[in-house]
Amino acid sequence: MLFRVDAASTVSLAEQIAVQVRLAVLNDELKAGERLPPARELAAALRVNMHTVLRAYGVLRDERIIEMRQGRGAWVRQDVEPGFVRLTELAGQFLTEARKLGLSQPEIRRLIEGA
């Protein structure tokens, strides 16, 4: 899988990496159990700080898309559900738009609960 980042984008570099992994899972380019590039290697290839890659991987871990083990790398979870990945991506887009409109957390919560 080929990763790319755009330093001029308003989207953080870590989020750009996370989005690409989510889309690769959705498009079946990354399959359950498949290893992701080591953070150090991906950082060097993208010319970004290793902590940027680790931040992206951490977000994906928190979203239960990947698993990480220190010294053993990161890989797509065996039980990853593409539908869940899609909802996670849509939720992120929703939050981005809501914040652009200046909505507060309680307002966002009310919108979601009312939907």
Protein backbone atom coordinates (compact mmCIF):
# COMPACT_ATOMS: atom_id res chain seq x y z
CA MET A 1 0.00 0.00 0.00
CA LEU A 2 1.27 3.43 -0.93
CA PHE A 3 0.83 6.26 1.57
CA ARG A 4 1.00 9.92 0.66
CA VAL A 5 0.71 13.10 2.68
CA ASP A 6 0.17 16.71 1.66
CA ALA A 7 2.05 19.08 3.95
CA ALA A 8 0.01 22.02 2.59
CA SER A 9 -3.32 20.43 3.61
CA THR A 10 -5.32 21.77 6.53
CA VAL A 11 -5.79 18.14 7.64
CA SER A 12 -3.07 17.01 10.03
CA LEU A 13 -0.45 14.62 8.69
CA ALA A 14 -1.46 11.98 11.25
CA GLU A 15 -5.11 12.21 10.20
CA GLN A 16 -4.11 11.94 6.52
CA ILE A 17 -2.33 8.68 7.30
CA ALA A 18 -5.25 7.38 9.39
CA VAL A 19 -7.74 8.21 6.62
CA GLN A 20 -5.66 6.28 4.09
CA VAL A 21 -5.58 3.20 6.32
CA ARG A 22 -9.35 3.40 6.91
CA LEU A 23 -10.00 3.67 3.17
CA ALA A 24 -7.64 0.78 2.43
CA VAL A 25 -9.58 -1.41 4.88
CA LEU A 26 -12.88 -0.30 3.34
CA ASN A 27 -11.63 -1.00 -0.18
CA ASP A 28 -10.22 -4.37 0.87
CA GLU A 29 -6.68 -3.22 0.01
CA LEU A 30 -5.73 -3.99 3.62
CA LYS A 31 -7.14 -7.24 4.94
CA ALA A 32 -7.65 -8.55 8.46
CA GLY A 33 -4.33 -9.63 9.94
CA GLU A 34 -2.24 -7.70 7.42
CA ARG A 35 0.75 -5.81 8.78
CA LEU A 36 1.13 -2.07 8.43
CA PRO A 37 4.54 -0.60 7.63
CA PRO A 38 6.74 -0.09 10.69
CA ALA A 39 6.31 3.47 12.00
CA ARG A 40 9.99 4.32 11.57
CA GLU A 41 10.04 3.14 7.94
CA LEU A 42 6.77 4.87 7.04
CA ALA A 43 7.95 8.10 8.67
CA ALA A 44 11.18 7.99 6.67
CA ALA A 45 9.32 7.26 3.42
CA LEU A 46 6.86 10.12 4.01
CA ARG A 47 9.53 12.44 5.44
CA VAL A 48 7.53 13.02 8.60
CA ASN A 49 8.33 12.57 12.27
CA MET A 50 7.94 9.01 13.54
CA HIS A 51 5.60 10.31 16.27
CA THR A 52 3.23 11.53 13.55
CA VAL A 53 2.89 7.96 12.27
CA LEU A 54 2.55 6.64 15.82
CA ARG A 55 -0.20 9.22 16.48
CA ALA A 56 -2.09 7.98 13.39
CA TYR A 57 -1.62 4.38 14.45
CA GLY A 58 -2.78 5.27 17.97
CA VAL A 59 -6.00 6.79 16.64
CA LEU A 60 -6.63 3.69 14.53
CA ARG A 61 -5.95 1.50 17.58
CA ASP A 62 -8.42 3.52 19.65
CA GLU A 63 -10.98 3.09 16.86
CA ARG A 64 -10.37 -0.69 17.06
CA ILE A 65 -9.21 -0.89 13.44
CA ILE A 66 -5.65 -1.97 14.14
CA GLU A 67 -3.69 -3.63 16.93
CA MET A 68 -0.26 -2.55 18.04
CA ARG A 69 2.42 -4.29 20.07
CA GLN A 70 5.64 -2.55 21.00
CA GLY A 71 8.48 -4.12 19.11
CA ARG A 72 6.11 -6.27 17.04
CA GLY A 73 4.43 -3.65 14.86
CA ALA A 74 0.89 -2.83 13.87
CA TRP A 75 -1.62 -4.87 11.90
CA VAL A 76 -5.27 -4.80 10.91
CA ARG A 77 -7.43 -6.46 13.57
CA GLN A 78 -8.79 -9.89 12.74
CA ASP A 79 -12.31 -8.79 13.71
CA VAL A 80 -12.34 -5.47 11.86
CA GLU A 81 -15.71 -4.67 10.31
CA PRO A 82 -15.62 -2.53 7.13
CA GLY A 83 -19.06 -1.11 8.02
CA PHE A 84 -17.72 0.09 11.37
CA VAL A 85 -14.71 1.61 9.63
CA ARG A 86 -17.06 3.46 7.27
CA LEU A 87 -19.11 4.82 10.18
CA THR A 88 -15.93 5.95 11.92
CA GLU A 89 -14.86 7.84 8.80
CA LEU A 90 -18.30 9.46 8.43
CA ALA A 91 -18.33 10.43 12.11
CA GLY A 92 -14.98 12.15 11.67
CA GLN A 93 -16.25 14.08 8.67
CA PHE A 94 -19.39 15.07 10.61
CA LEU A 95 -17.33 16.36 13.54
CA THR A 96 -15.03 18.32 11.24
CA GLU A 97 -17.98 20.04 9.59
CA ALA A 98 -19.73 20.69 12.91
CA ARG A 99 -16.59 22.33 14.29
CA LYS A 100 -16.22 24.47 11.15
CA LEU A 101 -19.74 25.73 11.85
CA GLY A 102 -18.73 26.57 15.40
CA LEU A 103 -21.00 24.07 17.12
CA SER A 104 -20.21 23.19 20.72
CA GLN A 105 -19.88 19.63 22.04
CA PRO A 106 -23.37 19.76 23.64
CA GLU A 107 -24.86 21.02 20.36
CA ILE A 108 -23.14 18.23 18.42
CA ARG A 109 -24.36 15.66 20.95
CA ARG A 110 -27.95 16.96 20.63
CA LEU A 111 -27.75 16.69 16.84
CA ILE A 112 -26.59 13.08 17.05
CA GLU A 113 -29.14 12.10 19.67
CA GLY A 114 -31.91 13.75 17.66
CA ALA A 115 -31.03 11.98 14.43
